[in-house]
Amino acid sequence: METQTKQIKADLDSGKTITAIDALLNYNCFRLSARIRDLKDLGYPVDKTMIQIESGKYVAQYFKVTQ
């Protein structure tokens, strides 16, 4: 697992949610959806919801799925 993916997984494990701007600022990751796909391919329970940001646009916010 590459470093960005490990960092994203660690933050999701701690209960944080992550958007693309969070990924860019915190992990220098331009392709969050690709890193999320990497985690899903490994069986990691992650999902997303669409949230509205200040500009009125909607963006994906990823979170760890807990049972």
C-alpha atoms as a PDB file:
ATOM      1  CA  MET A   1       0.000   0.000   0.000  1.00  0.00           C
ATOM      2  CA  GLU A   2       1.469   3.357  -0.976  1.00  0.00           C
ATOM      3  CA  THR A   3       2.059   6.187   1.497  1.00  0.00           C
ATOM      4  CA  GLN A   4      -0.901   8.406   0.526  1.00  0.00           C
ATOM      5  CA  THR A   5      -3.243   5.451   0.816  1.00  0.00           C
ATOM      6  CA  LYS A   6      -1.822   4.585   4.253  1.00  0.00           C
ATOM      7  CA  GLN A   7      -2.266   8.161   5.453  1.00  0.00           C
ATOM      8  CA  ILE A   8      -5.843   8.303   4.171  1.00  0.00           C
ATOM      9  CA  LYS A   9      -6.655   4.947   5.787  1.00  0.00           C
ATOM     10  CA  ALA A  10      -5.184   6.090   9.111  1.00  0.00           C
ATOM     11  CA  ASP A  11      -7.332   9.224   9.136  1.00  0.00           C
ATOM     12  CA  LEU A  12     -10.464   7.296   8.150  1.00  0.00           C
ATOM     13  CA  ASP A  13      -9.685   4.753  10.898  1.00  0.00           C
ATOM     14  CA  SER A  14      -9.558   7.609  13.418  1.00  0.00           C
ATOM     15  CA  GLY A  15     -13.072   8.687  12.430  1.00  0.00           C
ATOM     16  CA  LYS A  16     -12.173  11.611  10.175  1.00  0.00           C
ATOM     17  CA  THR A  17     -13.972  12.333   6.925  1.00  0.00           C
ATOM     18  CA  ILE A  18     -12.020  13.338   3.831  1.00  0.00           C
ATOM     19  CA  THR A  19     -12.836  15.453   0.778  1.00  0.00           C
ATOM     20  CA  ALA A  20     -10.658  16.023  -2.279  1.00  0.00           C
ATOM     21  CA  ILE A  21      -9.470  19.380  -0.920  1.00  0.00           C
ATOM     22  CA  ASP A  22      -8.530  17.694   2.393  1.00  0.00           C
ATOM     23  CA  ALA A  23      -6.544  15.096   0.455  1.00  0.00           C
ATOM     24  CA  LEU A  24      -4.724  17.752  -1.527  1.00  0.00           C
ATOM     25  CA  LEU A  25      -3.876  19.860   1.512  1.00  0.00           C
ATOM     26  CA  ASN A  26      -3.032  17.035   3.930  1.00  0.00           C
ATOM     27  CA  TYR A  27      -1.463  14.334   1.735  1.00  0.00           C
ATOM     28  CA  ASN A  28      -0.549  16.133  -1.524  1.00  0.00           C
ATOM     29  CA  CYS A  29      -2.993  13.738  -3.183  1.00  0.00           C
ATOM     30  CA  PHE A  30      -4.615  14.946  -6.413  1.00  0.00           C
ATOM     31  CA  ARG A  31      -6.578  11.730  -7.018  1.00  0.00           C
ATOM     32  CA  LEU A  32      -8.469  10.900  -3.835  1.00  0.00           C
ATOM     33  CA  SER A  33     -11.019   8.772  -5.682  1.00  0.00           C
ATOM     34  CA  ALA A  34      -8.200   6.560  -6.983  1.00  0.00           C
ATOM     35  CA  ARG A  35      -6.800   6.089  -3.469  1.00  0.00           C
ATOM     36  CA  ILE A  36     -10.311   5.286  -2.203  1.00  0.00           C
ATOM     37  CA  ARG A  37     -10.614   2.689  -4.981  1.00  0.00           C
ATOM     38  CA  ASP A  38      -7.295   1.184  -3.832  1.00  0.00           C
ATOM     39  CA  LEU A  39      -8.716   0.846  -0.309  1.00  0.00           C
ATOM     40  CA  LYS A  40     -11.990  -0.653  -1.565  1.00  0.00           C
ATOM     41  CA  ASP A  41     -10.057  -3.160  -3.685  1.00  0.00           C
ATOM     42  CA  LEU A  42      -8.328  -4.282  -0.453  1.00  0.00           C
ATOM     43  CA  GLY A  43     -11.723  -4.780   1.201  1.00  0.00           C
ATOM     44  CA  TYR A  44     -11.624  -1.625   3.320  1.00  0.00           C
ATOM     45  CA  PRO A  45     -15.157  -0.452   4.277  1.00  0.00           C
ATOM     46  CA  VAL A  46     -15.344   3.099   2.916  1.00  0.00           C
ATOM     47  CA  ASP A  47     -18.300   5.004   1.481  1.00  0.00           C
ATOM     48  CA  LYS A  48     -19.146   8.563   0.510  1.00  0.00           C
ATOM     49  CA  THR A  49     -21.836  11.152   0.867  1.00  0.00           C
ATOM     50  CA  MET A  50     -22.261  14.316  -1.154  1.00  0.00           C
ATOM     51  CA  ILE A  51     -21.976  17.549   0.827  1.00  0.00           C
ATOM     52  CA  GLN A  52     -22.574  21.126  -0.224  1.00  0.00           C
ATOM     53  CA  ILE A  53     -19.640  23.506   0.199  1.00  0.00           C
ATOM     54  CA  GLU A  54     -19.701  27.293   0.639  1.00  0.00           C
ATOM     55  CA  SER A  55     -19.755  27.941  -3.117  1.00  0.00           C
ATOM     56  CA  GLY A  56     -22.976  25.938  -3.398  1.00  0.00           C
ATOM     57  CA  LYS A  57     -21.293  23.069  -5.255  1.00  0.00           C
ATOM     58  CA  TYR A  58     -21.447  19.474  -4.061  1.00  0.00           C
ATOM     59  CA  VAL A  59     -18.361  17.363  -3.377  1.00  0.00           C
ATOM     60  CA  ALA A  60     -17.803  13.798  -2.207  1.00  0.00           C
ATOM     61  CA  GLN A  61     -16.939  13.310   1.457  1.00  0.00           C
ATOM     62  CA  TYR A  62     -15.504   9.869   2.258  1.00  0.00           C
ATOM     63  CA  PHE A  63     -15.866   8.052   5.572  1.00  0.00           C
ATOM     64  CA  LYS A  64     -15.225   4.633   7.073  1.00  0.00           C
ATOM     65  CA  VAL A  65     -18.303   2.433   7.266  1.00  0.00           C
ATOM     66  CA  THR A  66     -18.833   0.984  10.731  1.00  0.00           C
ATOM     67  CA  GLN A  67     -21.276  -1.756  11.634  1.00  0.00           C
END
